[in-house]
């Protein structure tokens, strides 16, 4: 999959599947993020080995990843990580990070939409989003798309600085997410969901 999208401000980006040979591009993207942007990420994205292992999960069919590129540089990355457990194989975790310069332009919603299409193809029923309490903007976006807070685990995880943070687990049935994303669908996108 590769297609052009226009953001709210008219900026064009290319949305495509992330590949294992995108490691260098992805590392440049992560290195360009400020410590504050990386503070609440689930993995140590400045460790090349960690990022390479995450990309290998694509080839094993455990993860699906998409990227948004502007002038051949990654400006957003999204992941749909399938559950390995038998009892939760009907769901996946969704994660998106957008470069600060490209935030508040609709790119996060576009990335979530692309991950939604993959979730439909994988016949999933529910998607989850896990975040720390200070990630207010992420919580707002996911709530707007129909996600509900299912669990709050006080002082359950540590941020990059080692400070304890509350973990919020949000979930959304795929049918509800599709309904909320309707405004972001392009004409050709409807065919992908049938």
Protein backbone atom coordinates (compact mmCIF):
# COMPACT_ATOMS: atom_id res chain seq x y z
CA UNK A 1 0.00 0.00 0.00
CA UNK A 2 1.26 3.43 -0.92
CA UNK A 3 -0.83 6.54 -1.40
CA UNK A 4 -0.70 10.31 -1.13
CA UNK A 5 -2.69 12.18 1.48
CA UNK A 6 -3.23 15.89 1.94
CA UNK A 7 -3.15 17.23 5.51
CA UNK A 8 -5.41 19.99 6.84
CA UNK A 9 -2.82 22.64 5.97
CA UNK A 10 -2.33 21.33 2.41
CA UNK A 11 0.94 19.50 3.10
CA UNK A 12 1.22 16.27 1.10
CA UNK A 13 2.54 13.08 2.66
CA UNK A 14 2.94 9.56 1.35
CA UNK A 15 1.41 6.82 3.49
CA UNK A 16 2.92 3.38 3.01
CA UNK A 17 3.67 0.15 4.79
CA UNK A 18 6.85 0.23 6.81
CA UNK A 19 9.43 -2.35 5.72
CA UNK A 20 12.35 -3.97 7.47
CA UNK A 21 14.76 -2.08 5.20
CA UNK A 22 13.36 1.23 6.56
CA UNK A 23 15.47 0.92 9.71
CA UNK A 24 17.74 3.89 8.89
CA UNK A 25 14.78 6.14 8.01
CA UNK A 26 12.98 5.13 11.19
CA UNK A 27 16.06 5.74 13.34
CA UNK A 28 16.39 9.26 11.87
CA UNK A 29 12.73 9.89 12.73
CA UNK A 30 13.18 8.71 16.32
CA UNK A 31 16.43 10.65 16.79
CA UNK A 32 14.68 13.84 15.65
CA UNK A 33 12.09 13.51 18.42
CA UNK A 34 12.72 15.55 21.55
CA UNK A 35 13.22 13.79 24.89
CA UNK A 36 9.73 14.99 25.84
CA UNK A 37 8.27 13.35 22.70
CA UNK A 38 10.04 10.08 23.55
CA UNK A 39 9.32 10.25 27.28
CA UNK A 40 6.20 8.08 27.23
CA UNK A 41 7.04 5.67 24.42
CA UNK A 42 6.74 1.99 25.18
CA UNK A 43 10.14 1.02 23.74
CA UNK A 44 13.60 2.57 23.76
CA UNK A 45 13.49 3.85 20.21
CA UNK A 46 17.05 5.20 20.22
CA UNK A 47 18.37 1.64 20.56
CA UNK A 48 18.89 0.39 17.00
CA UNK A 49 18.68 -3.27 18.06
CA UNK A 50 15.31 -2.72 19.75
CA UNK A 51 13.91 -0.98 16.66
CA UNK A 52 15.32 -3.67 14.34
CA UNK A 53 13.63 -6.40 16.42
CA UNK A 54 10.33 -4.50 16.29
CA UNK A 55 10.62 -4.29 12.48
CA UNK A 56 11.34 -8.04 12.24
CA UNK A 57 7.91 -8.68 13.72
CA UNK A 58 6.48 -7.41 10.41
CA UNK A 59 8.00 -10.33 8.51
CA UNK A 60 6.69 -12.77 11.11
CA UNK A 61 3.16 -11.38 10.67
CA UNK A 62 2.96 -10.29 14.32
CA UNK A 63 2.87 -6.57 13.60
CA UNK A 64 1.68 -4.27 10.88
CA UNK A 65 3.36 -0.89 10.58
CA UNK A 66 2.69 2.16 8.46
CA UNK A 67 4.67 5.33 7.96
CA UNK A 68 3.94 8.80 6.66
CA UNK A 69 6.74 10.34 4.63
CA UNK A 70 7.32 13.94 3.62
CA UNK A 71 10.21 14.57 1.21
CA UNK A 72 11.37 10.96 1.79
CA UNK A 73 11.60 11.43 5.56
CA UNK A 74 9.37 9.64 8.04
CA UNK A 75 7.14 12.14 9.86
CA UNK A 76 4.78 9.64 11.52
CA UNK A 77 4.84 5.99 12.43
CA UNK A 78 1.98 3.71 13.38
CA UNK A 79 1.76 0.12 14.55
CA UNK A 80 -0.94 -2.49 14.91
CA UNK A 81 0.48 -5.19 17.16
CA UNK A 82 -1.42 -8.45 17.18
CA UNK A 83 -1.87 -10.30 20.41
CA UNK A 84 0.14 -13.50 20.76
CA UNK A 85 -2.19 -14.90 23.42
CA UNK A 86 -4.88 -17.33 22.32
CA UNK A 87 -7.55 -15.68 24.47
CA UNK A 88 -7.00 -12.23 22.96
CA UNK A 89 -6.26 -13.05 19.33
CA UNK A 90 -9.37 -11.05 18.34
CA UNK A 91 -7.71 -7.79 19.36
CA UNK A 92 -4.58 -5.74 18.74
CA UNK A 93 -2.84 -2.73 20.23
CA UNK A 94 -2.65 0.41 18.12
CA UNK A 95 0.13 2.99 18.52
CA UNK A 96 0.89 6.17 16.59
CA UNK A 97 3.57 8.83 16.96
CA UNK A 98 3.62 11.99 14.86
CA UNK A 99 6.53 14.43 14.57
CA UNK A 100 5.66 17.67 16.40
CA UNK A 101 5.78 19.74 13.21
CA UNK A 102 3.06 17.53 11.70
CA UNK A 103 0.73 17.38 14.70
CA UNK A 104 -2.72 19.01 14.75
CA UNK A 105 -3.01 18.57 10.96
CA UNK A 106 -5.05 15.37 10.85
CA UNK A 107 -2.08 13.06 10.29
CA UNK A 108 -2.69 11.05 13.47
CA UNK A 109 -6.25 10.34 12.34
CA UNK A 110 -5.01 9.31 8.88
CA UNK A 111 -2.53 6.90 10.47
CA UNK A 112 -5.21 5.41 12.73
CA UNK A 113 -7.48 5.05 9.68
CA UNK A 114 -4.81 3.06 7.82
CA UNK A 115 -4.29 0.81 10.84
CA UNK A 116 -8.06 0.38 11.04
CA UNK A 117 -8.10 -0.97 7.47
CA UNK A 118 -5.42 -3.49 8.40
CA UNK A 119 -7.41 -4.51 11.48
CA UNK A 120 -10.47 -5.12 9.28
CA UNK A 121 -8.38 -7.26 6.90
CA UNK A 122 -7.08 -9.25 9.87
CA UNK A 123 -10.67 -9.81 11.04
CA UNK A 124 -10.02 -8.24 14.43
CA UNK A 125 -12.89 -7.20 16.66
CA UNK A 126 -11.29 -4.76 19.12
CA UNK A 127 -8.34 -2.40 19.15
CA UNK A 128 -6.69 -1.09 22.29
CA UNK A 129 -4.48 1.90 23.02
CA UNK A 130 -2.20 1.97 26.06
CA UNK A 131 -0.83 5.28 27.30
CA UNK A 132 0.44 7.07 30.35
CA UNK A 133 -1.78 9.59 32.12
CA UNK A 134 0.23 12.68 30.99
CA UNK A 135 -0.48 11.84 27.33
CA UNK A 136 -3.56 14.07 27.30
CA UNK A 137 -3.54 14.76 23.54
CA UNK A 138 -3.43 11.04 22.71
CA UNK A 139 -6.30 10.36 25.12
CA UNK A 140 -8.33 13.13 23.50
CA UNK A 141 -7.79 11.79 19.97
CA UNK A 142 -8.68 8.23 20.93
CA UNK A 143 -11.79 9.35 22.86
CA UNK A 144 -12.90 11.35 19.84
CA UNK A 145 -12.60 8.16 17.77
CA UNK A 146 -14.81 6.14 20.10
CA UNK A 147 -12.27 4.61 22.48
CA UNK A 148 -13.31 4.28 26.12
CA UNK A 149 -11.07 4.08 29.14
CA UNK A 150 -11.30 0.47 30.31
CA UNK A 151 -8.59 0.38 32.97
CA UNK A 152 -6.51 2.76 35.03
CA UNK A 153 -3.52 1.14 36.68
CA UNK A 154 -1.93 3.58 39.19
CA UNK A 155 1.88 3.82 39.16
CA UNK A 156 2.03 0.77 36.90
CA UNK A 157 4.72 1.81 34.39
CA UNK A 158 7.80 4.01 34.32
CA UNK A 159 8.54 6.72 31.79
CA UNK A 160 11.93 7.15 30.12
CA UNK A 161 13.17 9.11 33.16
CA UNK A 162 12.24 6.28 35.52
CA UNK A 163 9.29 8.10 37.10
CA UNK A 164 6.23 5.99 37.89
CA UNK A 165 3.18 6.83 35.79
CA UNK A 166 -0.43 5.67 35.74
CA UNK A 167 -1.23 3.42 32.78
CA UNK A 168 -4.50 4.02 30.95
CA UNK A 169 -5.88 1.23 28.76
CA UNK A 170 -8.46 2.34 26.22
CA UNK A 171 -10.43 0.05 23.91
CA UNK A 172 -12.80 0.37 20.99
CA UNK A 173 -14.80 -2.23 19.07
CA UNK A 174 -13.68 -2.11 15.44
CA UNK A 175 -17.22 -1.40 14.20
CA UNK A 176 -17.38 1.71 16.42
CA UNK A 177 -13.97 2.93 15.26
CA UNK A 178 -15.05 2.52 11.64
CA UNK A 179 -18.15 4.60 12.28
CA UNK A 180 -16.10 7.41 13.87
CA UNK A 181 -13.51 7.33 11.08
CA UNK A 182 -16.13 7.72 8.35
CA UNK A 183 -15.31 11.42 7.99
CA UNK A 184 -11.68 10.52 7.15
CA UNK A 185 -12.49 7.95 4.45
CA UNK A 186 -11.67 8.79 0.86
CA UNK A 187 -13.77 7.37 -1.99
CA UNK A 188 -11.41 4.49 -2.72
CA UNK A 189 -11.16 3.60 0.96
CA UNK A 190 -14.74 2.35 1.17
CA UNK A 191 -13.84 -0.54 -1.15
CA UNK A 192 -11.07 -1.64 1.21
CA UNK A 193 -13.61 -2.29 3.97
CA UNK A 194 -16.06 -4.40 1.99
